[in-house]
């Protein structure tokens, strides 16, 4: 798969494919060339997962910062 296709992968899709790649590598029985191809694909999938997780973290941080910046947010937090 190319980088453009990888960008279209959702987190769960990339994670599931990465799990399968790891399973195949751990099971052995592949040629060196196949193992290298699987390893490279695993690296690509890990990057996709990392980008999704970093994006989710940024969204959470932004939402938390926005909530803290609202007038009265501190008073509401104290009441909870």
N, C-alpha and C. Protein backbone atom coordinates (compact mmCIF):
# COMPACT_ATOMS: atom_id res chain seq x y z
N UNK A 1 0.83 -1.19 0.00
CA UNK A 1 0.00 0.00 0.00
C UNK A 1 0.86 1.23 0.00
N UNK A 2 0.40 2.24 -0.66
CA UNK A 2 1.17 3.48 -0.71
C UNK A 2 0.79 4.38 0.45
N UNK A 3 1.56 5.44 0.62
CA UNK A 3 1.29 6.38 1.69
C UNK A 3 -0.09 7.00 1.59
N UNK A 4 -0.55 7.28 0.36
CA UNK A 4 -1.88 7.87 0.19
C UNK A 4 -2.98 6.94 0.66
N UNK A 5 -2.83 5.67 0.39
CA UNK A 5 -3.82 4.70 0.84
C UNK A 5 -3.75 4.58 2.35
N UNK A 6 -2.56 4.58 2.92
CA UNK A 6 -2.41 4.48 4.37
C UNK A 6 -3.09 5.64 5.08
N UNK A 7 -3.07 6.82 4.48
CA UNK A 7 -3.70 7.98 5.10
C UNK A 7 -5.21 7.79 5.20
N UNK A 8 -5.78 6.97 4.31
CA UNK A 8 -7.21 6.72 4.32
C UNK A 8 -7.60 5.65 5.35
N UNK A 9 -6.63 4.93 5.88
CA UNK A 9 -6.92 3.89 6.86
C UNK A 9 -7.36 4.52 8.17
N UNK A 10 -8.40 3.95 8.74
CA UNK A 10 -8.80 4.36 10.07
C UNK A 10 -7.88 3.73 11.10
N UNK A 11 -7.95 4.21 12.32
CA UNK A 11 -7.09 3.69 13.37
C UNK A 11 -7.31 2.19 13.57
N UNK A 12 -8.57 1.80 13.68
CA UNK A 12 -8.87 0.39 13.94
C UNK A 12 -8.39 -0.51 12.80
N UNK A 13 -8.55 -0.05 11.56
CA UNK A 13 -8.08 -0.84 10.42
C UNK A 13 -6.57 -1.02 10.47
N UNK A 14 -5.86 0.08 10.71
CA UNK A 14 -4.39 0.02 10.77
C UNK A 14 -3.94 -0.85 11.93
N UNK A 15 -4.59 -0.71 13.08
CA UNK A 15 -4.24 -1.51 14.25
C UNK A 15 -4.46 -2.99 14.00
N UNK A 16 -5.60 -3.32 13.42
CA UNK A 16 -5.90 -4.73 13.15
C UNK A 16 -4.92 -5.34 12.15
N UNK A 17 -4.59 -4.56 11.12
CA UNK A 17 -3.62 -5.07 10.14
C UNK A 17 -2.24 -5.22 10.79
N UNK A 18 -1.88 -4.29 11.65
CA UNK A 18 -0.60 -4.37 12.36
C UNK A 18 -0.55 -5.61 13.25
N UNK A 19 -1.64 -5.91 13.91
CA UNK A 19 -1.71 -7.12 14.74
C UNK A 19 -1.48 -8.35 13.89
N UNK A 20 -2.08 -8.37 12.71
CA UNK A 20 -1.91 -9.52 11.81
C UNK A 20 -0.46 -9.62 11.32
N UNK A 21 0.17 -8.50 11.01
CA UNK A 21 1.56 -8.50 10.57
C UNK A 21 2.45 -9.06 11.68
N UNK A 22 2.25 -8.61 12.89
CA UNK A 22 3.05 -9.10 14.02
C UNK A 22 2.83 -10.59 14.22
N UNK A 23 1.57 -11.04 14.12
CA UNK A 23 1.27 -12.46 14.27
C UNK A 23 2.02 -13.29 13.24
N UNK A 24 2.02 -12.81 12.00
CA UNK A 24 2.71 -13.55 10.93
C UNK A 24 4.22 -13.57 11.15
N UNK A 25 4.77 -12.46 11.60
CA UNK A 25 6.22 -12.42 11.87
C UNK A 25 6.58 -13.36 13.02
N UNK A 26 5.77 -13.35 14.07
CA UNK A 26 6.06 -14.20 15.23
C UNK A 26 5.89 -15.68 14.90
N UNK A 27 4.99 -16.00 13.98
CA UNK A 27 4.75 -17.39 13.62
C UNK A 27 5.91 -17.97 12.83
N UNK A 28 6.66 -17.11 12.16
CA UNK A 28 7.79 -17.58 11.36
C UNK A 28 7.32 -18.28 10.10
N UNK A 29 8.21 -18.98 9.47
CA UNK A 29 7.87 -19.72 8.27
C UNK A 29 7.83 -18.88 7.01
N UNK A 30 8.29 -17.64 7.11
CA UNK A 30 8.34 -16.79 5.93
C UNK A 30 9.78 -16.66 5.47
N UNK A 31 9.93 -16.34 4.21
CA UNK A 31 11.28 -16.12 3.69
C UNK A 31 11.81 -14.80 4.22
N UNK A 32 13.09 -14.61 4.06
CA UNK A 32 13.69 -13.35 4.49
C UNK A 32 13.03 -12.18 3.79
N UNK A 33 12.81 -12.32 2.49
CA UNK A 33 12.19 -11.23 1.71
C UNK A 33 10.77 -10.94 2.22
N UNK A 34 10.00 -11.99 2.50
CA UNK A 34 8.65 -11.81 3.02
C UNK A 34 8.69 -11.16 4.41
N UNK A 35 9.62 -11.60 5.23
CA UNK A 35 9.75 -11.02 6.57
C UNK A 35 10.10 -9.54 6.51
N UNK A 36 11.01 -9.19 5.61
CA UNK A 36 11.37 -7.77 5.46
C UNK A 36 10.18 -6.95 4.98
N UNK A 37 9.41 -7.49 4.04
CA UNK A 37 8.23 -6.78 3.54
C UNK A 37 7.20 -6.61 4.66
N UNK A 38 7.01 -7.65 5.46
CA UNK A 38 6.09 -7.56 6.59
C UNK A 38 6.57 -6.52 7.61
N UNK A 39 7.85 -6.54 7.89
CA UNK A 39 8.42 -5.57 8.83
C UNK A 39 8.19 -4.14 8.34
N UNK A 40 8.47 -3.90 7.07
CA UNK A 40 8.27 -2.56 6.50
C UNK A 40 6.81 -2.15 6.57
N UNK A 41 5.91 -3.09 6.27
CA UNK A 41 4.48 -2.78 6.35
C UNK A 41 4.09 -2.49 7.78
N UNK A 42 4.62 -3.23 8.72
CA UNK A 42 4.35 -2.98 10.13
C UNK A 42 4.80 -1.60 10.56
N UNK A 43 5.95 -1.17 10.07
CA UNK A 43 6.44 0.18 10.40
C UNK A 43 5.48 1.24 9.85
N UNK A 44 5.01 1.05 8.62
CA UNK A 44 4.06 1.99 8.02
C UNK A 44 2.76 2.05 8.83
N UNK A 45 2.26 0.88 9.21
CA UNK A 45 1.02 0.82 9.98
C UNK A 45 1.19 1.45 11.36
N UNK A 46 2.33 1.25 11.98
CA UNK A 46 2.60 1.86 13.28
C UNK A 46 2.59 3.38 13.17
N UNK A 47 3.12 3.92 12.07
CA UNK A 47 3.11 5.37 11.86
C UNK A 47 1.68 5.88 11.70
N UNK A 48 0.86 5.12 10.97
CA UNK A 48 -0.54 5.52 10.81
C UNK A 48 -1.23 5.56 12.18
N UNK A 49 -1.04 4.52 12.97
CA UNK A 49 -1.63 4.48 14.31
C UNK A 49 -1.14 5.64 15.16
N UNK A 50 0.16 5.89 15.10
CA UNK A 50 0.74 6.99 15.89
C UNK A 50 0.12 8.32 15.49
N UNK A 51 -0.06 8.56 14.18
CA UNK A 51 -0.68 9.83 13.73
C UNK A 51 -2.10 9.95 14.26
N UNK A 52 -2.87 8.86 14.21
CA UNK A 52 -4.23 8.90 14.74
C UNK A 52 -4.23 9.22 16.23
N UNK A 53 -3.36 8.56 16.97
CA UNK A 53 -3.31 8.79 18.42
C UNK A 53 -2.85 10.20 18.76
N UNK A 54 -1.88 10.71 18.01
CA UNK A 54 -1.42 12.08 18.25
C UNK A 54 -2.54 13.08 17.93
N UNK A 55 -3.30 12.80 16.87
CA UNK A 55 -4.43 13.66 16.53
C UNK A 55 -5.50 13.64 17.61
N UNK A 56 -5.77 12.46 18.14
CA UNK A 56 -6.76 12.35 19.21
C UNK A 56 -6.29 13.09 20.45
N UNK A 57 -5.00 12.98 20.76
CA UNK A 57 -4.44 13.69 21.93
C UNK A 57 -4.56 15.20 21.74
N UNK A 58 -4.27 15.68 20.53
CA UNK A 58 -4.37 17.12 20.25
C UNK A 58 -5.81 17.60 20.41
N UNK A 59 -6.77 16.80 19.94
CA UNK A 59 -8.17 17.18 20.07
C UNK A 59 -8.59 17.22 21.53
N UNK A 60 -8.15 16.24 22.32
CA UNK A 60 -8.47 16.24 23.74
C UNK A 60 -7.86 17.44 24.45
N UNK A 61 -6.59 17.71 24.14
CA UNK A 61 -5.92 18.86 24.76
C UNK A 61 -6.63 20.16 24.41
N UNK A 62 -7.05 20.29 23.13
CA UNK A 62 -7.75 21.50 22.71
C UNK A 62 -9.09 21.63 23.42
N UNK A 63 -9.81 20.52 23.55
CA UNK A 63 -11.10 20.56 24.23
C UNK A 63 -10.93 20.91 25.70
N UNK A 64 -9.92 20.34 26.33
CA UNK A 64 -9.67 20.66 27.74
C UNK A 64 -9.27 22.12 27.91
N UNK A 65 -8.44 22.62 27.01
CA UNK A 65 -8.01 24.01 27.10
C UNK A 65 -9.19 24.94 26.86
N UNK A 66 -10.05 24.58 25.91
CA UNK A 66 -11.22 25.40 25.61
C UNK A 66 -12.16 25.43 26.82
N UNK A 67 -12.35 24.28 27.44
CA UNK A 67 -13.22 24.21 28.61
C UNK A 67 -12.67 25.02 29.77
N UNK A 68 -11.37 25.01 29.94
CA UNK A 68 -10.74 25.76 31.03
C UNK A 68 -10.78 27.27 30.77
N UNK A 69 -10.86 27.66 29.50
CA UNK A 69 -10.84 29.07 29.15
C UNK A 69 -12.23 29.70 29.22
N UNK A 70 -13.28 28.90 29.32
CA UNK A 70 -14.64 29.43 29.39
C UNK A 70 -14.85 30.15 30.72
N UNK A 71 -15.52 31.29 30.67
CA UNK A 71 -15.83 31.99 31.92
C UNK A 71 -16.67 31.10 32.83
N UNK A 72 -16.33 31.04 34.07
CA UNK A 72 -17.06 30.23 35.03
C UNK A 72 -16.70 28.78 35.04
N UNK A 73 -15.77 28.37 34.19
CA UNK A 73 -15.42 26.96 34.12
C UNK A 73 -14.83 26.48 35.44
N UNK A 74 -14.05 27.33 36.07
CA UNK A 74 -13.44 26.96 37.35
C UNK A 74 -14.49 26.78 38.42
N UNK A 75 -15.49 27.68 38.43
CA UNK A 75 -16.55 27.58 39.43
C UNK A 75 -17.38 26.31 39.21
N UNK A 76 -17.65 25.97 37.94
CA UNK A 76 -18.40 24.74 37.66
C UNK A 76 -17.60 23.51 38.09
N UNK A 77 -16.30 23.54 37.88
CA UNK A 77 -15.46 22.40 38.25
C UNK A 77 -15.45 22.22 39.76
N UNK A 78 -15.48 23.34 40.49
CA UNK A 78 -15.48 23.26 41.96
C UNK A 78 -16.78 22.66 42.48
N UNK A 79 -17.88 22.84 41.76
CA UNK A 79 -19.18 22.35 42.19
C UNK A 79 -19.32 20.86 41.94
N UNK A 80 -18.55 20.29 41.04
CA UNK A 80 -18.68 18.88 40.69
C UNK A 80 -18.12 17.96 41.72
